[in-house]
Amino acid sequence: GEDTLQGEAGRLAASLGLAGRVDFHGFQTYERLPQFYGRARLYV
């Protein structure tokens, strides 16, 4: 999804030591979403 917080979520992940566990993919087209759903275990 689009980063509407100007990188705040990424900075928070880094400050919590989670930067290596979170991949920020940004805006994705509708056609690309199934690849994420296909490998997901949970939708938040």
PDB file of all heavy atoms in Angstrom:
ATOM      1  N   GLY A   1       0.821  -1.201   0.000  1.00  0.00           N
ATOM      2  CA  GLY A   1       0.000   0.000   0.000  1.00  0.00           C
ATOM      3  C   GLY A   1       0.854   1.251   0.000  1.00  0.00           C
ATOM      4  O   GLY A   1       2.033   1.233   0.364  1.00  0.00           O
ATOM      5  N   GLU A   2       0.237   2.318  -0.409  1.00  0.00           N
ATOM      6  CA  GLU A   2       0.914   3.608  -0.490  1.00  0.00           C
ATOM      7  C   GLU A   2       1.322   4.094   0.895  1.00  0.00           C
ATOM      8  O   GLU A   2       0.583   3.937   1.866  1.00  0.00           O
ATOM      9  CB  GLU A   2      -0.036   4.624  -1.128  1.00  0.00           C
ATOM     10  CG  GLU A   2       0.566   5.968  -1.358  1.00  0.00           C
ATOM     11  CD  GLU A   2      -0.410   6.926  -2.024  1.00  0.00           C
ATOM     12  OE1 GLU A   2      -1.515   6.508  -2.398  1.00  0.00           O
ATOM     13  OE2 GLU A   2      -0.051   8.096  -2.156  1.00  0.00           O
ATOM     14  N   ASP A   3       2.502   4.665   0.993  1.00  0.00           N
ATOM     15  CA  ASP A   3       2.991   5.209   2.257  1.00  0.00           C
ATOM     16  C   ASP A   3       2.445   6.615   2.435  1.00  0.00           C
ATOM     17  O   ASP A   3       2.967   7.573   1.885  1.00  0.00           O
ATOM     18  CB  ASP A   3       4.517   5.224   2.255  1.00  0.00           C
ATOM     19  CG  ASP A   3       5.103   5.777   3.536  1.00  0.00           C
ATOM     20  OD1 ASP A   3       4.334   6.096   4.467  1.00  0.00           O
ATOM     21  OD2 ASP A   3       6.323   5.898   3.612  1.00  0.00           O
ATOM     22  N   THR A   4       1.387   6.729   3.205  1.00  0.00           N
ATOM     23  CA  THR A   4       0.775   8.039   3.439  1.00  0.00           C
ATOM     24  C   THR A   4       1.359   8.745   4.661  1.00  0.00           C
ATOM     25  O   THR A   4       0.947   9.849   4.983  1.00  0.00           O
ATOM     26  CB  THR A   4      -0.747   7.899   3.618  1.00  0.00           C
ATOM     27  OG1 THR A   4      -1.003   7.065   4.748  1.00  0.00           O
ATOM     28  CG2 THR A   4      -1.397   7.319   2.369  1.00  0.00           C
ATOM     29  N   LEU A   5       2.292   8.096   5.333  1.00  0.00           N
ATOM     30  CA  LEU A   5       2.899   8.672   6.539  1.00  0.00           C
ATOM     31  C   LEU A   5       4.342   9.116   6.305  1.00  0.00           C
ATOM     32  O   LEU A   5       5.103   9.289   7.255  1.00  0.00           O
ATOM     33  CB  LEU A   5       2.843   7.658   7.687  1.00  0.00           C
ATOM     34  CG  LEU A   5       1.446   7.212   8.101  1.00  0.00           C
ATOM     35  CD1 LEU A   5       1.519   6.102   9.136  1.00  0.00           C
ATOM     36  CD2 LEU A   5       0.655   8.392   8.647  1.00  0.00           C
ATOM     37  N   GLN A   6       4.733   9.272   5.051  1.00  0.00           N
ATOM     38  CA  GLN A   6       6.070   9.742   4.690  1.00  0.00           C
ATOM     39  C   GLN A   6       7.194   8.956   5.374  1.00  0.00           C
ATOM     40  O   GLN A   6       8.146   9.528   5.895  1.00  0.00           O
ATOM     41  CB  GLN A   6       6.238  11.246   4.986  1.00  0.00           C
ATOM     42  CG  GLN A   6       5.381  12.157   4.144  1.00  0.00           C
ATOM     43  CD  GLN A   6       3.929  12.181   4.560  1.00  0.00           C
ATOM     44  OE1 GLN A   6       3.594  12.196   5.748  1.00  0.00           O
ATOM     45  NE2 GLN A   6       3.030  12.143   3.583  1.00  0.00           N
ATOM     46  N   GLY A   7       7.068   7.641   5.381  1.00  0.00           N
ATOM     47  CA  GLY A   7       8.112   6.778   5.914  1.00  0.00           C
ATOM     48  C   GLY A   7       8.046   6.500   7.402  1.00  0.00           C
ATOM     49  O   GLY A   7       8.908   5.814   7.943  1.00  0.00           O
ATOM     50  N   GLU A   8       7.028   6.989   8.093  1.00  0.00           N
ATOM     51  CA  GLU A   8       6.931   6.802   9.546  1.00  0.00           C
ATOM     52  C   GLU A   8       6.858   5.320   9.924  1.00  0.00           C
ATOM     53  O   GLU A   8       7.472   4.896  10.909  1.00  0.00           O
ATOM     54  CB  GLU A   8       5.725   7.549  10.101  1.00  0.00           C
ATOM     55  CG  GLU A   8       5.599   7.487  11.602  1.00  0.00           C
ATOM     56  CD  GLU A   8       6.759   8.121  12.353  1.00  0.00           C
ATOM     57  OE1 GLU A   8       7.363   9.073  11.837  1.00  0.00           O
ATOM     58  OE2 GLU A   8       7.059   7.649  13.462  1.00  0.00           O
ATOM     59  N   ALA A   9       6.126   4.531   9.165  1.00  0.00           N
ATOM     60  CA  ALA A   9       6.010   3.097   9.487  1.00  0.00           C
ATOM     61  C   ALA A   9       7.367   2.405   9.359  1.00  0.00           C
ATOM     62  O   ALA A   9       7.718   1.566  10.184  1.00  0.00           O
ATOM     63  CB  ALA A   9       4.978   2.440   8.588  1.00  0.00           C
ATOM     64  N   GLY A  10       8.114   2.760   8.349  1.00  0.00           N
ATOM     65  CA  GLY A  10       9.446   2.185   8.178  1.00  0.00           C
ATOM     66  C   GLY A  10      10.393   2.581   9.299  1.00  0.00           C
ATOM     67  O   GLY A  10      11.173   1.757   9.787  1.00  0.00           O
ATOM     68  N   ARG A  11      10.316   3.824   9.706  1.00  0.00           N
ATOM     69  CA  ARG A  11      11.146   4.284  10.821  1.00  0.00           C
ATOM     70  C   ARG A  11      10.763   3.576  12.120  1.00  0.00           C
ATOM     71  O   ARG A  11      11.627   3.213  12.922  1.00  0.00           O
ATOM     72  CB  ARG A  11      11.053   5.800  10.970  1.00  0.00           C
ATOM     73  CG  ARG A  11      11.761   6.550   9.836  1.00  0.00           C
ATOM     74  CD  ARG A  11      11.851   8.045  10.087  1.00  0.00           C
ATOM     75  NE  ARG A  11      10.547   8.706  10.046  1.00  0.00           N
ATOM     76  CZ  ARG A  11       9.944   9.112   8.937  1.00  0.00           C
ATOM     77  NH1 ARG A  11      10.495   8.899   7.757  1.00  0.00           N
ATOM     78  NH2 ARG A  11       8.776   9.733   9.000  1.00  0.00           N
ATOM     79  N   LEU A  12       9.463   3.372  12.334  1.00  0.00           N
ATOM     80  CA  LEU A  12       9.020   2.657  13.530  1.00  0.00           C
ATOM     81  C   LEU A  12       9.521   1.217  13.507  1.00  0.00           C
ATOM     82  O   LEU A  12      10.022   0.709  14.518  1.00  0.00           O
ATOM     83  CB  LEU A  12       7.496   2.684  13.644  1.00  0.00           C
ATOM     84  CG  LEU A  12       6.893   1.906  14.813  1.00  0.00           C
ATOM     85  CD1 LEU A  12       7.400   2.429  16.152  1.00  0.00           C
ATOM     86  CD2 LEU A  12       5.377   1.948  14.754  1.00  0.00           C
ATOM     87  N   ALA A  13       9.392   0.556  12.364  1.00  0.00           N
ATOM     88  CA  ALA A  13       9.882  -0.827  12.245  1.00  0.00           C
ATOM     89  C   ALA A  13      11.374  -0.891  12.562  1.00  0.00           C
ATOM     90  O   ALA A  13      11.826  -1.787  13.285  1.00  0.00           O
ATOM     91  CB  ALA A  13       9.600  -1.372  10.855  1.00  0.00           C
ATOM     92  N   ALA A  14      12.140   0.066  12.043  1.00  0.00           N
ATOM     93  CA  ALA A  14      13.579   0.095  12.306  1.00  0.00           C
ATOM     94  C   ALA A  14      13.867   0.326  13.783  1.00  0.00           C
ATOM     95  O   ALA A  14      14.726  -0.336  14.372  1.00  0.00           O
ATOM     96  CB  ALA A  14      14.243   1.169  11.452  1.00  0.00           C
ATOM     97  N   SER A  15      13.137   1.244  14.411  1.00  0.00           N
ATOM     98  CA  SER A  15      13.381   1.546  15.826  1.00  0.00           C
ATOM     99  C   SER A  15      13.034   0.369  16.734  1.00  0.00           C
ATOM    100  O   SER A  15      13.591   0.248  17.821  1.00  0.00           O
ATOM    101  CB  SER A  15      12.601   2.792  16.258  1.00  0.00           C
ATOM    102  OG  SER A  15      11.217   2.508  16.389  1.00  0.00           O
ATOM    103  N   LEU A  16      12.128  -0.496  16.268  1.00  0.00           N
ATOM    104  CA  LEU A  16      11.745  -1.679  17.043  1.00  0.00           C
ATOM    105  C   LEU A  16      12.612  -2.895  16.706  1.00  0.00           C
ATOM    106  O   LEU A  16      12.378  -3.985  17.220  1.00  0.00           O
ATOM    107  CB  LEU A  16      10.271  -2.010  16.785  1.00  0.00           C
ATOM    108  CG  LEU A  16       9.263  -0.968  17.266  1.00  0.00           C
ATOM    109  CD1 LEU A  16       7.856  -1.329  16.785  1.00  0.00           C
ATOM    110  CD2 LEU A  16       9.300  -0.851  18.786  1.00  0.00           C
ATOM    111  N   GLY A  17      13.584  -2.697  15.829  1.00  0.00           N
ATOM    112  CA  GLY A  17      14.452  -3.803  15.429  1.00  0.00           C
ATOM    113  C   GLY A  17      13.792  -4.770  14.468  1.00  0.00           C
ATOM    114  O   GLY A  17      14.198  -5.919  14.358  1.00  0.00           O
ATOM    115  N   LEU A  18      12.763  -4.313  13.756  1.00  0.00           N
ATOM    116  CA  LEU A  18      11.998  -5.185  12.862  1.00  0.00           C
ATOM    117  C   LEU A  18      12.243  -4.901  11.380  1.00  0.00           C
ATOM    118  O   LEU A  18      11.580  -5.489  10.530  1.00  0.00           O
ATOM    119  CB  LEU A  18      10.501  -5.041  13.154  1.00  0.00           C
ATOM    120  CG  LEU A  18      10.069  -5.416  14.566  1.00  0.00           C
ATOM    121  CD1 LEU A  18       8.608  -5.068  14.781  1.00  0.00           C
ATOM    122  CD2 LEU A  18      10.324  -6.891  14.819  1.00  0.00           C
ATOM    123  N   ALA A  19      13.168  -4.014  11.065  1.00  0.00           N
ATOM    124  CA  ALA A  19      13.367  -3.603   9.672  1.00  0.00           C
ATOM    125  C   ALA A  19      13.635  -4.801   8.761  1.00  0.00           C
ATOM    126  O   ALA A  19      13.174  -4.830   7.624  1.00  0.00           O
ATOM    127  CB  ALA A  19      14.494  -2.593   9.576  1.00  0.00           C
ATOM    128  N   GLY A  20      14.342  -5.797   9.238  1.00  0.00           N
ATOM    129  CA  GLY A  20      14.633  -6.985   8.440  1.00  0.00           C
ATOM    130  C   GLY A  20      13.455  -7.934   8.299  1.00  0.00           C
ATOM    131  O   GLY A  20      13.506  -8.886   7.530  1.00  0.00           O
ATOM    132  N   ARG A  21      12.387  -7.685   9.030  1.00  0.00           N
ATOM    133  CA  ARG A  21      11.200  -8.546   9.018  1.00  0.00           C
ATOM    134  C   ARG A  21      10.026  -7.939   8.274  1.00  0.00           C
ATOM    135  O   ARG A  21       8.984  -8.571   8.141  1.00  0.00           O
ATOM    136  CB  ARG A  21      10.760  -8.853  10.448  1.00  0.00           C
ATOM    137  CG  ARG A  21      11.751  -9.628  11.247  1.00  0.00           C
ATOM    138  CD  ARG A  21      11.665 -11.049  10.874  1.00  0.00           C
ATOM    139  NE  ARG A  21      12.424 -11.880  11.792  1.00  0.00           N
ATOM    140  CZ  ARG A  21      12.486 -13.175  11.663  1.00  0.00           C
ATOM    141  NH1 ARG A  21      11.840 -13.766  10.697  1.00  0.00           N
ATOM    142  NH2 ARG A  21      13.196 -13.878  12.495  1.00  0.00           N
ATOM    143  N   VAL A  22      10.148  -6.692   7.827  1.00  0.00           N
ATOM    144  CA  VAL A  22       9.057  -5.999   7.147  1.00  0.00           C
ATOM    145  C   VAL A  22       9.528  -5.560   5.766  1.00  0.00           C
ATOM    146  O   VAL A  22      10.542  -4.876   5.639  1.00  0.00           O
ATOM    147  CB  VAL A  22       8.579  -4.764   7.939  1.00  0.00           C
ATOM    148  CG1 VAL A  22       7.408  -4.096   7.226  1.00  0.00           C
ATOM    149  CG2 VAL A  22       8.193  -5.144   9.364  1.00  0.00           C
ATOM    150  N   ASP A  23       8.805  -5.982   4.738  1.00  0.00           N
ATOM    151  CA  ASP A  23       9.068  -5.538   3.371  1.00  0.00           C
ATOM    152  C   ASP A  23       7.975  -4.562   2.963  1.00  0.00           C
ATOM    153  O   ASP A  23       6.798  -4.931   2.923  1.00  0.00           O
ATOM    154  CB  ASP A  23       9.074  -6.722   2.392  1.00  0.00           C
ATOM    155  CG  ASP A  23      10.275  -7.619   2.578  1.00  0.00           C
ATOM    156  OD1 ASP A  23      11.349  -7.106   2.931  1.00  0.00           O
ATOM    157  OD2 ASP A  23      10.134  -8.837   2.364  1.00  0.00           O
ATOM    158  N   PHE A  24       8.362  -3.330   2.681  1.00  0.00           N
ATOM    159  CA  PHE A  24       7.424  -2.307   2.234  1.00  0.00           C
ATOM    160  C   PHE A  24       7.388  -2.317   0.714  1.00  0.00           C
ATOM    161  O   PHE A  24       8.373  -1.973   0.062  1.00  0.00           O
ATOM    162  CB  PHE A  24       7.840  -0.932   2.766  1.00  0.00           C
ATOM    163  CG  PHE A  24       7.727  -0.820   4.264  1.00  0.00           C
ATOM    164  CD1 PHE A  24       8.798  -1.129   5.087  1.00  0.00           C
ATOM    165  CD2 PHE A  24       6.537  -0.410   4.843  1.00  0.00           C
ATOM    166  CE1 PHE A  24       8.683  -1.030   6.460  1.00  0.00           C
ATOM    167  CE2 PHE A  24       6.414  -0.313   6.221  1.00  0.00           C
ATOM    168  CZ  PHE A  24       7.494  -0.624   7.031  1.00  0.00           C
ATOM    169  N   HIS A  25       6.251  -2.726   0.148  1.00  0.00           N
ATOM    170  CA  HIS A  25       6.122  -2.885  -1.302  1.00  0.00           C
ATOM    171  C   HIS A  25       5.488  -1.676  -1.984  1.00  0.00           C
ATOM    172  O   HIS A  25       5.479  -1.614  -3.209  1.00  0.00           O
ATOM    173  CB  HIS A  25       5.307  -4.142  -1.626  1.00  0.00           C
ATOM    174  CG  HIS A  25       5.927  -5.393  -1.114  1.00  0.00           C
ATOM    175  ND1 HIS A  25       6.945  -6.038  -1.775  1.00  0.00           N
ATOM    176  CD2 HIS A  25       5.714  -6.105   0.017  1.00  0.00           C
ATOM    177  CE1 HIS A  25       7.312  -7.110  -1.097  1.00  0.00           C
ATOM    178  NE2 HIS A  25       6.574  -7.173   0.001  1.00  0.00           N
ATOM    179  N   GLY A  26       4.945  -0.746  -1.215  1.00  0.00           N
ATOM    180  CA  GLY A  26       4.314   0.425  -1.813  1.00  0.00           C
ATOM    181  C   GLY A  26       3.058   0.068  -2.583  1.00  0.00           C
ATOM    182  O   GLY A  26       2.514  -1.034  -2.467  1.00  0.00           O
ATOM    183  N   PHE A  27       2.598   1.022  -3.392  1.00  0.00           N
ATOM    184  CA  PHE A  27       1.397   0.810  -4.208  1.00  0.00           C
ATOM    185  C   PHE A  27       1.626  -0.348  -5.172  1.00  0.00           C
ATOM    186  O   PHE A  27       2.679  -0.443  -5.792  1.00  0.00           O
ATOM    187  CB  PHE A  27       1.060   2.078  -4.995  1.00  0.00           C
ATOM    188  CG  PHE A  27      -0.057   1.868  -5.971  1.00  0.00           C
ATOM    189  CD1 PHE A  27      -1.373   1.914  -5.544  1.00  0.00           C
ATOM    190  CD2 PHE A  27       0.199   1.600  -7.303  1.00  0.00           C
ATOM    191  CE1 PHE A  27      -2.412   1.702  -6.429  1.00  0.00           C
ATOM    192  CE2 PHE A  27      -0.828   1.385  -8.201  1.00  0.00           C
ATOM    193  CZ  PHE A  27      -2.141   1.437  -7.765  1.00  0.00           C
ATOM    194  N   GLN A  28       0.639  -1.213  -5.280  1.00  0.00           N
ATOM    195  CA  GLN A  28       0.683  -2.330  -6.221  1.00  0.00           C
ATOM    196  C   GLN A  28      -0.593  -2.312  -7.052  1.00  0.00           C
ATOM    197  O   GLN A  28      -1.666  -2.008  -6.538  1.00  0.00           O
ATOM    198  CB  GLN A  28       0.793  -3.669  -5.483  1.00  0.00           C
ATOM    199  CG  GLN A  28       2.034  -3.814  -4.652  1.00  0.00           C
ATOM    200  CD  GLN A  28       3.286  -3.859  -5.492  1.00  0.00           C
ATOM    201  OE1 GLN A  28       3.365  -4.559  -6.490  1.00  0.00           O
ATOM    202  NE2 GLN A  28       4.282  -3.077  -5.089  1.00  0.00           N
ATOM    203  N   THR A  29      -0.472  -2.664  -8.306  1.00  0.00           N
ATOM    204  CA  THR A  29      -1.647  -2.734  -9.162  1.00  0.00           C
ATOM    205  C   THR A  29      -2.498  -3.933  -8.765  1.00  0.00           C
ATOM    206  O   THR A  29      -2.014  -4.891  -8.149  1.00  0.00           O
ATOM    207  CB  THR A  29      -1.265  -2.862 -10.639  1.00  0.00           C
ATOM    208  OG1 THR A  29      -0.553  -4.088 -10.825  1.00  0.00           O
ATOM    209  CG2 THR A  29      -0.423  -1.675 -11.093  1.00  0.00           C
ATOM    210  N   TYR A  30      -3.750  -3.867  -9.132  1.00  0.00           N
ATOM    211  CA  TYR A  30      -4.700  -4.940  -8.832  1.00  0.00           C
ATOM    212  C   TYR A  30      -4.189  -6.292  -9.326  1.00  0.00           C
ATOM    213  O   TYR A  30      -4.339  -7.306  -8.660  1.00  0.00           O
ATOM    214  CB  TYR A  30      -6.050  -4.600  -9.470  1.00  0.00           C
ATOM    215  CG  TYR A  30      -7.090  -5.665  -9.271  1.00  0.00           C
ATOM    216  CD1 TYR A  30      -7.736  -5.788  -8.051  1.00  0.00           C
ATOM    217  CD2 TYR A  30      -7.419  -6.552 -10.290  1.00  0.00           C
ATOM    218  CE1 TYR A  30      -8.693  -6.770  -7.850  1.00  0.00           C
ATOM    219  CE2 TYR A  30      -8.369  -7.529 -10.097  1.00  0.00           C
ATOM    220  CZ  TYR A  30      -9.001  -7.640  -8.876  1.00  0.00           C
ATOM    221  OH  TYR A  30      -9.935  -8.610  -8.681  1.00  0.00           O
ATOM    222  N   GLU A  31      -3.563  -6.292 -10.489  1.00  0.00           N
ATOM    223  CA  GLU A  31      -3.080  -7.549 -11.095  1.00  0.00           C
ATOM    224  C   GLU A  31      -1.962  -8.188 -10.282  1.00  0.00           C
ATOM    225  O   GLU A  31      -1.777  -9.405 -10.338  1.00  0.00           O
ATOM    226  CB  GLU A  31      -2.587  -7.290 -12.525  1.00  0.00           C
ATOM    227  CG  GLU A  31      -3.678  -6.903 -13.500  1.00  0.00           C
ATOM    228  CD  GLU A  31      -4.101  -5.439 -13.399  1.00  0.00           C
ATOM    229  OE1 GLU A  31      -3.328  -4.610 -12.856  1.00  0.00           O
ATOM    230  OE2 GLU A  31      -5.218  -5.128 -13.843  1.00  0.00           O
ATOM    231  N   ARG A  32      -1.240  -7.411  -9.505  1.00  0.00           N
ATOM    232  CA  ARG A  32      -0.120  -7.951  -8.719  1.00  0.00           C
ATOM    233  C   ARG A  32      -0.534  -8.445  -7.336  1.00  0.00           C
ATOM    234  O   ARG A  32       0.216  -9.173  -6.685  1.00  0.00           O
ATOM    235  CB  ARG A  32       0.960  -6.897  -8.579  1.00  0.00           C
ATOM    236  CG  ARG A  32       1.577  -6.563  -9.947  1.00  0.00           C
ATOM    237  CD  ARG A  32       2.927  -5.994  -9.874  1.00  0.00           C
ATOM    238  NE  ARG A  32       3.799  -6.820  -9.059  1.00  0.00           N
ATOM    239  CZ  ARG A  32       4.973  -6.418  -8.634  1.00  0.00           C
ATOM    240  NH1 ARG A  32       5.418  -5.232  -8.929  1.00  0.00           N
ATOM    241  NH2 ARG A  32       5.730  -7.204  -7.886  1.00  0.00           N
ATOM    242  N   LEU A  33      -1.726  -8.079  -6.874  1.00  0.00           N
ATOM    243  CA  LEU A  33      -2.138  -8.454  -5.522  1.00  0.00           C
ATOM    244  C   LEU A  33      -2.242  -9.956  -5.283  1.00  0.00           C
ATOM    245  O   LEU A  33      -1.867 -10.431  -4.202  1.00  0.00           O
ATOM    246  CB  LEU A  33      -3.440  -7.765  -5.156  1.00  0.00           C
ATOM    247  CG  LEU A  33      -3.350  -6.240  -5.021  1.00  0.00           C
ATOM    248  CD1 LEU A  33      -4.713  -5.661  -4.687  1.00  0.00           C
ATOM    249  CD2 LEU A  33      -2.323  -5.841  -3.979  1.00  0.00           C
ATOM    250  N   PRO A  34      -2.728 -10.764  -6.242  1.00  0.00           N
ATOM    251  CA  PRO A  34      -2.825 -12.203  -5.971  1.00  0.00           C
ATOM    252  C   PRO A  34      -1.505 -12.863  -5.582  1.00  0.00           C
ATOM    253  O   PRO A  34      -1.502 -13.822  -4.814  1.00  0.00           O
ATOM    254  CB  PRO A  34      -3.363 -12.771  -7.287  1.00  0.00           C
ATOM    255  CG  PRO A  34      -4.162 -11.652  -7.858  1.00  0.00           C
ATOM    256  CD  PRO A  34      -3.367 -10.412  -7.506  1.00  0.00           C
ATOM    257  N   GLN A  35      -0.383 -12.347  -6.043  1.00  0.00           N
ATOM    258  CA  GLN A  35       0.900 -12.945  -5.644  1.00  0.00           C
ATOM    259  C   GLN A  35       1.149 -12.777  -4.149  1.00  0.00           C
ATOM    260  O   GLN A  35       1.743 -13.651  -3.515  1.00  0.00           O
ATOM    261  CB  GLN A  35       2.055 -12.364  -6.442  1.00  0.00           C
ATOM    262  CG  GLN A  35       2.488 -10.982  -6.007  1.00  0.00           C
ATOM    263  CD  GLN A  35       3.648 -10.443  -6.819  1.00  0.00           C
ATOM    264  OE1 GLN A  35       3.971 -10.948  -7.877  1.00  0.00           O
ATOM    265  NE2 GLN A  35       4.269  -9.394  -6.325  1.00  0.00           N
ATOM    266  N   PHE A  36       0.657 -11.688  -3.587  1.00  0.00           N
ATOM    267  CA  PHE A  36       0.810 -11.491  -2.147  1.00  0.00           C
ATOM    268  C   PHE A  36      -0.170 -12.369  -1.374  1.00  0.00           C
ATOM    269  O   PHE A  36       0.188 -12.974  -0.368  1.00  0.00           O
ATOM    270  CB  PHE A  36       0.592 -10.016  -1.779  1.00  0.00           C
ATOM    271  CG  PHE A  36       1.664  -9.122  -2.321  1.00  0.00           C
ATOM    272  CD1 PHE A  36       1.441  -8.349  -3.444  1.00  0.00           C
ATOM    273  CD2 PHE A  36       2.908  -9.050  -1.710  1.00  0.00           C
ATOM    274  CE1 PHE A  36       2.427  -7.520  -3.951  1.00  0.00           C
ATOM    275  CE2 PHE A  36       3.906  -8.226  -2.206  1.00  0.00           C
ATOM    276  CZ  PHE A  36       3.660  -7.462  -3.336  1.00  0.00           C
ATOM    277  N   TYR A  37      -1.416 -12.448  -1.823  1.00  0.00           N
ATOM    278  CA  TYR A  37      -2.406 -13.296  -1.163  1.00  0.00           C
ATOM    279  C   TYR A  37      -1.992 -14.761  -1.221  1.00  0.00           C
ATOM    280  O   TYR A  37      -2.219 -15.515  -0.281  1.00  0.00           O
ATOM    281  CB  TYR A  37      -3.784 -13.147  -1.808  1.00  0.00           C
ATOM    282  CG  TYR A  37      -4.400 -11.778  -1.661  1.00  0.00           C
ATOM    283  CD1 TYR A  37      -5.191 -11.248  -2.663  1.00  0.00           C
ATOM    284  CD2 TYR A  37      -4.203 -11.018  -0.522  1.00  0.00           C
ATOM    285  CE1 TYR A  37      -5.770  -9.996  -2.538  1.00  0.00           C
ATOM    286  CE2 TYR A  37      -4.772  -9.765  -0.391  1.00  0.00           C
ATOM    287  CZ  TYR A  37      -5.553  -9.263  -1.390  1.00  0.00           C
ATOM    288  OH  TYR A  37      -6.118  -8.031  -1.259  1.00  0.00           O
ATOM    289  N   GLY A  38      -1.377 -15.151  -2.335  1.00  0.00           N
ATOM    290  CA  GLY A  38      -0.992 -16.552  -2.512  1.00  0.00           C
ATOM    291  C   GLY A  38       0.034 -17.045  -1.518  1.00  0.00           C
ATOM    292  O   GLY A  38       0.078 -18.223  -1.205  1.00  0.00           O
ATOM    293  N   ARG A  39       0.875 -16.166  -1.026  1.00  0.00           N
ATOM    294  CA  ARG A  39       1.911 -16.600  -0.076  1.00  0.00           C
ATOM    295  C   ARG A  39       1.621 -16.180   1.365  1.00  0.00           C
ATOM    296  O   ARG A  39       2.383 -16.478   2.274  1.00  0.00           O
ATOM    297  CB  ARG A  39       3.276 -16.099  -0.521  1.00  0.00           C
ATOM    298  CG  ARG A  39       3.452 -14.608  -0.455  1.00  0.00           C
ATOM    299  CD  ARG A  39       4.870 -14.252  -0.894  1.00  0.00           C
ATOM    300  NE  ARG A  39       5.100 -12.838  -0.706  1.00  0.00           N
ATOM    301  CZ  ARG A  39       5.669 -12.070  -1.604  1.00  0.00           C
ATOM    302  NH1 ARG A  39       6.059 -12.579  -2.751  1.00  0.00           N
ATOM    303  NH2 ARG A  39       5.866 -10.804  -1.351  1.00  0.00           N
ATOM    304  N   ALA A  40       0.505 -15.499   1.578  1.00  0.00           N
ATOM    305  CA  ALA A  40       0.169 -14.981   2.907  1.00  0.00           C
ATOM    306  C   ALA A  40      -0.412 -16.062   3.813  1.00  0.00           C
ATOM    307  O   ALA A  40      -1.003 -17.033   3.349  1.00  0.00           O
ATOM    308  CB  ALA A  40      -0.831 -13.838   2.776  1.00  0.00           C
ATOM    309  N   ARG A  41      -0.253 -15.855   5.107  1.00  0.00           N
ATOM    310  CA  ARG A  41      -0.863 -16.722   6.116  1.00  0.00           C
ATOM    311  C   ARG A  41      -1.986 -16.005   6.856  1.00  0.00           C
ATOM    312  O   ARG A  41      -2.796 -16.636   7.518  1.00  0.00           O
ATOM    313  CB  ARG A  41       0.188 -17.171   7.122  1.00  0.00           C
ATOM    314  CG  ARG A  41       1.249 -18.031   6.513  1.00  0.00           C
ATOM    315  CD  ARG A  41       2.199 -18.474   7.570  1.00  0.00           C
ATOM    316  NE  ARG A  41       3.286 -19.231   6.964  1.00  0.00           N
ATOM    317  CZ  ARG A  41       4.382 -19.529   7.572  1.00  0.00           C
ATOM    318  NH1 ARG A  41       4.571 -19.147   8.815  1.00  0.00           N
ATOM    319  NH2 ARG A  41       5.316 -20.208   6.968  1.00  0.00           N
ATOM    320  N   LEU A  42      -2.001 -14.660   6.757  1.00  0.00           N
ATOM    321  CA  LEU A  42      -2.953 -13.840   7.502  1.00  0.00           C
ATOM    322  C   LEU A  42      -3.088 -12.508   6.778  1.00  0.00           C
ATOM    323  O   LEU A  42      -2.110 -11.982   6.257  1.00  0.00           O
ATOM    324  CB  LEU A  42      -2.414 -13.588   8.921  1.00  0.00           C
ATOM    325  CG  LEU A  42      -3.160 -12.607   9.824  1.00  0.00           C
ATOM    326  CD1 LEU A  42      -4.492 -13.213  10.260  1.00  0.00           C
ATOM    327  CD2 LEU A  42      -2.308 -12.276  11.045  1.00  0.00           C
ATOM    328  N   TYR A  43      -4.304 -11.959   6.750  1.00  0.00           N
ATOM    329  CA  TYR A  43      -4.525 -10.634   6.188  1.00  0.00           C
ATOM    330  C   TYR A  43      -4.865  -9.689   7.332  1.00  0.00           C
ATOM    331  O   TYR A  43      -5.764  -9.967   8.122  1.00  0.00           O
ATOM    332  CB  TYR A  43      -5.661 -10.640   5.164  1.00  0.00           C
ATOM    333  CG  TYR A  43      -5.962  -9.259   4.632  1.00  0.00           C
ATOM    334  CD1 TYR A  43      -5.177  -8.706   3.637  1.00  0.00           C
ATOM    335  CD2 TYR A  43      -6.995  -8.498   5.151  1.00  0.00           C
ATOM    336  CE1 TYR A  43      -5.422  -7.432   3.163  1.00  0.00           C
ATOM    337  CE2 TYR A  43      -7.253  -7.221   4.690  1.00  0.00           C
ATOM    338  CZ  TYR A  43      -6.457  -6.697   3.693  1.00  0.00           C
ATOM    339  OH  TYR A  43      -6.699  -5.433   3.236  1.00  0.00           O
ATOM    340  N   VAL A  44      -4.141  -8.570   7.421  1.00  0.00           N
ATOM    341  CA  VAL A  44      -4.400  -7.563   8.448  1.00  0.00           C
ATOM    342  C   VAL A  44      -4.920  -6.307   7.764  1.00  0.00           C
ATOM    343  O   VAL A  44      -4.228  -5.725   6.928  1.00  0.00           O
ATOM    344  CB  VAL A  44      -3.129  -7.235   9.255  1.00  0.00           C
ATOM    345  CG1 VAL A  44      -3.418  -6.151  10.285  1.00  0.00           C
ATOM    346  CG2 VAL A  44      -2.586  -8.491   9.926  1.00  0.00           C
TER     347      VAL A  44
END
